[in-house]
Protein backbone atom coordinates (compact mmCIF):
# COMPACT_ATOMS: atom_id res chain seq x y z
CA MET A 1 -5.56 16.12 -0.14
CA PRO A 2 -3.45 15.22 -1.99
CA PHE A 3 -1.66 12.66 0.17
CA ARG A 4 1.78 11.12 -0.40
CA LEU A 5 3.91 8.76 1.68
CA ASP A 6 7.54 8.01 0.82
CA PHE A 7 9.06 5.09 2.68
CA ALA A 8 11.56 2.24 2.55
CA VAL A 9 11.10 -1.24 3.92
CA LYS A 10 13.45 -4.12 4.62
CA ILE A 11 11.36 -7.28 4.79
CA GLU A 12 11.37 -10.81 3.38
CA ARG A 13 7.77 -10.62 2.11
CA ASP A 14 4.33 -9.16 2.79
CA ALA A 15 4.78 -5.47 3.54
CA ALA A 16 1.21 -4.26 4.18
CA ILE A 17 -0.09 -0.68 4.14
CA SER A 18 -3.68 0.43 4.54
CA LEU A 19 -5.29 3.81 3.94
CA SER A 20 -8.37 4.56 5.98
CA GLU A 21 -10.65 7.42 6.90
CA ASN A 22 -10.41 6.74 10.66
CA THR A 23 -8.95 4.10 12.96
CA THR A 24 -11.35 1.18 12.35
CA HIS A 25 -11.02 -1.78 10.00
CA GLY A 26 -14.34 -0.77 8.48
CA SER A 27 -12.97 2.60 7.34
CA ILE A 28 -10.13 1.11 5.25
CA PHE A 29 -10.65 2.21 1.66
CA ALA A 30 -7.42 0.81 0.17
CA GLU A 31 -5.14 -1.93 1.44
CA MET A 32 -1.88 -2.84 -0.30
CA ASN A 33 0.47 -5.78 0.09
CA ILE A 34 3.93 -5.48 -1.45
CA GLY A 35 5.89 -8.70 -1.82
CA GLY A 36 3.01 -11.10 -1.27
CA SER A 37 2.75 -14.61 -2.71
CA VAL A 38 6.26 -15.36 -1.44
CA ASN A 39 7.62 -12.02 -2.71
CA GLY A 40 6.33 -12.26 -6.24
CA ARG A 41 3.30 -9.96 -6.31
CA ALA A 42 1.82 -6.67 -5.14
CA VAL A 43 -1.93 -6.30 -4.68
CA MET A 44 -4.47 -3.64 -3.76
CA ARG A 45 -7.94 -4.32 -2.36
CA PRO A 46 -10.83 -2.03 -1.34
CA CYS A 47 -11.00 -2.96 2.35
CA TYR A 48 -9.47 -4.97 5.19
CA TYR A 49 -8.29 -8.27 3.71
CA VAL A 50 -10.29 -10.41 6.18
CA GLU A 51 -13.50 -8.67 5.08
CA CYS A 52 -12.76 -8.77 1.34
CA PRO A 53 -10.04 -11.18 0.29
CA GLY A 54 -10.46 -10.37 -3.43
CA VAL A 55 -8.13 -7.86 -5.08
CA ASP A 56 -8.79 -4.98 -7.48
CA ALA A 57 -5.26 -4.36 -8.77
CA THR A 58 -2.25 -6.66 -9.08
CA HIS A 59 1.35 -6.43 -10.21
CA ASP A 60 3.52 -9.52 -10.64
CA GLU A 61 7.23 -8.99 -10.08
CA ALA A 62 9.66 -11.24 -8.25
CA GLY A 63 11.83 -9.70 -5.55
CA LEU A 64 9.89 -6.50 -4.88
CA VAL A 65 11.09 -6.49 -1.28
CA ASP A 66 14.25 -7.83 0.34
CA ALA A 67 15.08 -8.96 3.88
CA ASN A 68 18.66 -7.68 3.62
CA GLU A 69 18.25 -4.21 2.12
CA TYR A 70 15.82 -1.32 2.27
CA ARG A 71 13.71 -0.94 -0.86
CA PRO A 72 12.11 2.50 -1.41
CA PHE A 73 8.45 2.95 -2.36
CA TRP A 74 5.83 5.69 -2.47
CA ILE A 75 2.06 5.81 -2.19
CA ASP A 76 -0.09 8.71 -3.27
CA TYR A 77 -3.79 9.41 -3.15
CA LYS A 78 -5.32 12.18 -5.20
CA GLY A 79 -8.89 12.62 -6.39
CA GLY A 80 -9.80 9.15 -5.16
CA VAL A 81 -7.01 7.37 -7.06
CA VAL A 82 -4.42 5.37 -5.10
CA ARG A 83 -1.06 4.76 -6.76
CA VAL A 84 1.98 2.77 -5.55
CA GLY A 85 5.43 3.03 -7.08
CA LYS A 86 9.10 2.37 -6.49
CA GLY A 87 11.29 5.09 -5.04
CA GLY A 88 13.06 7.04 -7.80
CA GLN A 89 10.43 6.11 -10.41
CA GLU A 90 7.52 8.32 -11.44
CA VAL A 91 5.40 5.55 -12.94
CA ALA A 92 3.22 3.57 -10.53
CA PHE A 93 3.22 -0.22 -10.64
CA LEU A 94 -0.20 -0.34 -8.92
CA GLU A 95 -3.05 2.09 -9.55
CA TRP A 96 -6.69 1.89 -8.57
CA ASP A 97 -9.65 4.30 -8.39
CA ALA A 98 -10.85 3.88 -4.80
CA GLY A 99 -13.15 6.89 -5.11
CA ALA A 100 -15.11 5.33 -7.97
CA HIS A 101 -15.29 1.98 -6.19
CA HIS A 102 -16.48 3.45 -2.89
CA GLN A 103 -18.58 6.16 -4.61
CA GLY A 104 -16.87 8.96 -2.71
CA VAL A 105 -13.48 10.52 -2.12
CA VAL A 106 -12.02 10.36 1.37
CA THR A 107 -10.53 13.71 2.45
CA GLN A 108 -8.69 12.64 5.60
CA VAL A 109 -6.21 9.77 5.28
CA ARG A 110 -4.83 7.62 8.09
CA ILE A 111 -2.10 5.05 7.54
CA GLY A 112 -1.84 1.50 8.84
CA ILE A 113 1.45 -0.40 8.57
CA ALA A 114 1.97 -4.13 9.15
CA SER A 115 4.32 -6.98 8.41
CA TRP A 116 2.22 -9.99 7.44
CA ALA A 117 2.87 -13.73 7.60
CA SER A 118 5.38 -13.63 10.47
CA ALA A 119 7.84 -11.59 8.40
CA ASN A 120 9.77 -9.11 10.52
CA GLY A 121 10.00 -5.74 8.80
CA ASP A 122 12.04 -2.59 9.33
CA TRP A 123 10.38 0.56 8.02
CA VAL A 124 11.70 4.07 7.36
CA PHE A 125 9.25 6.89 6.62
CA TYR A 126 10.47 9.97 4.78
CA LYS A 127 7.29 11.99 4.31
CA PHE A 128 3.86 11.61 5.86
CA CYS A 129 1.73 14.01 3.86
CA GLU A 130 1.87 17.16 1.76
């Protein structure tokens, strides 16, 4: 704690990142999808999407990700709050208090990365944690 991940992704849609306490689906405390709804939305939910399809934070913006160029993003987690922003910008476009929702703050963070909906993604990671 605190945790920060800086990365870039080149993908048509549906770049998915999960934060979890260990390596099971049940330990996911925040799951994000950037470029969902045919690349027009970013969402954050409190657990693995199959177990809880509802979302707790949304951001509507067309063209968040691109299949032809890397787009930079960052995720940080401090004091139970998860924030997601664009590389080069300090202001988050998604923010959610996972600690309040789960009634506890996770102190060890593991990362899950996926490309959803048959979208091939290329990922570059700049920093894993501080």
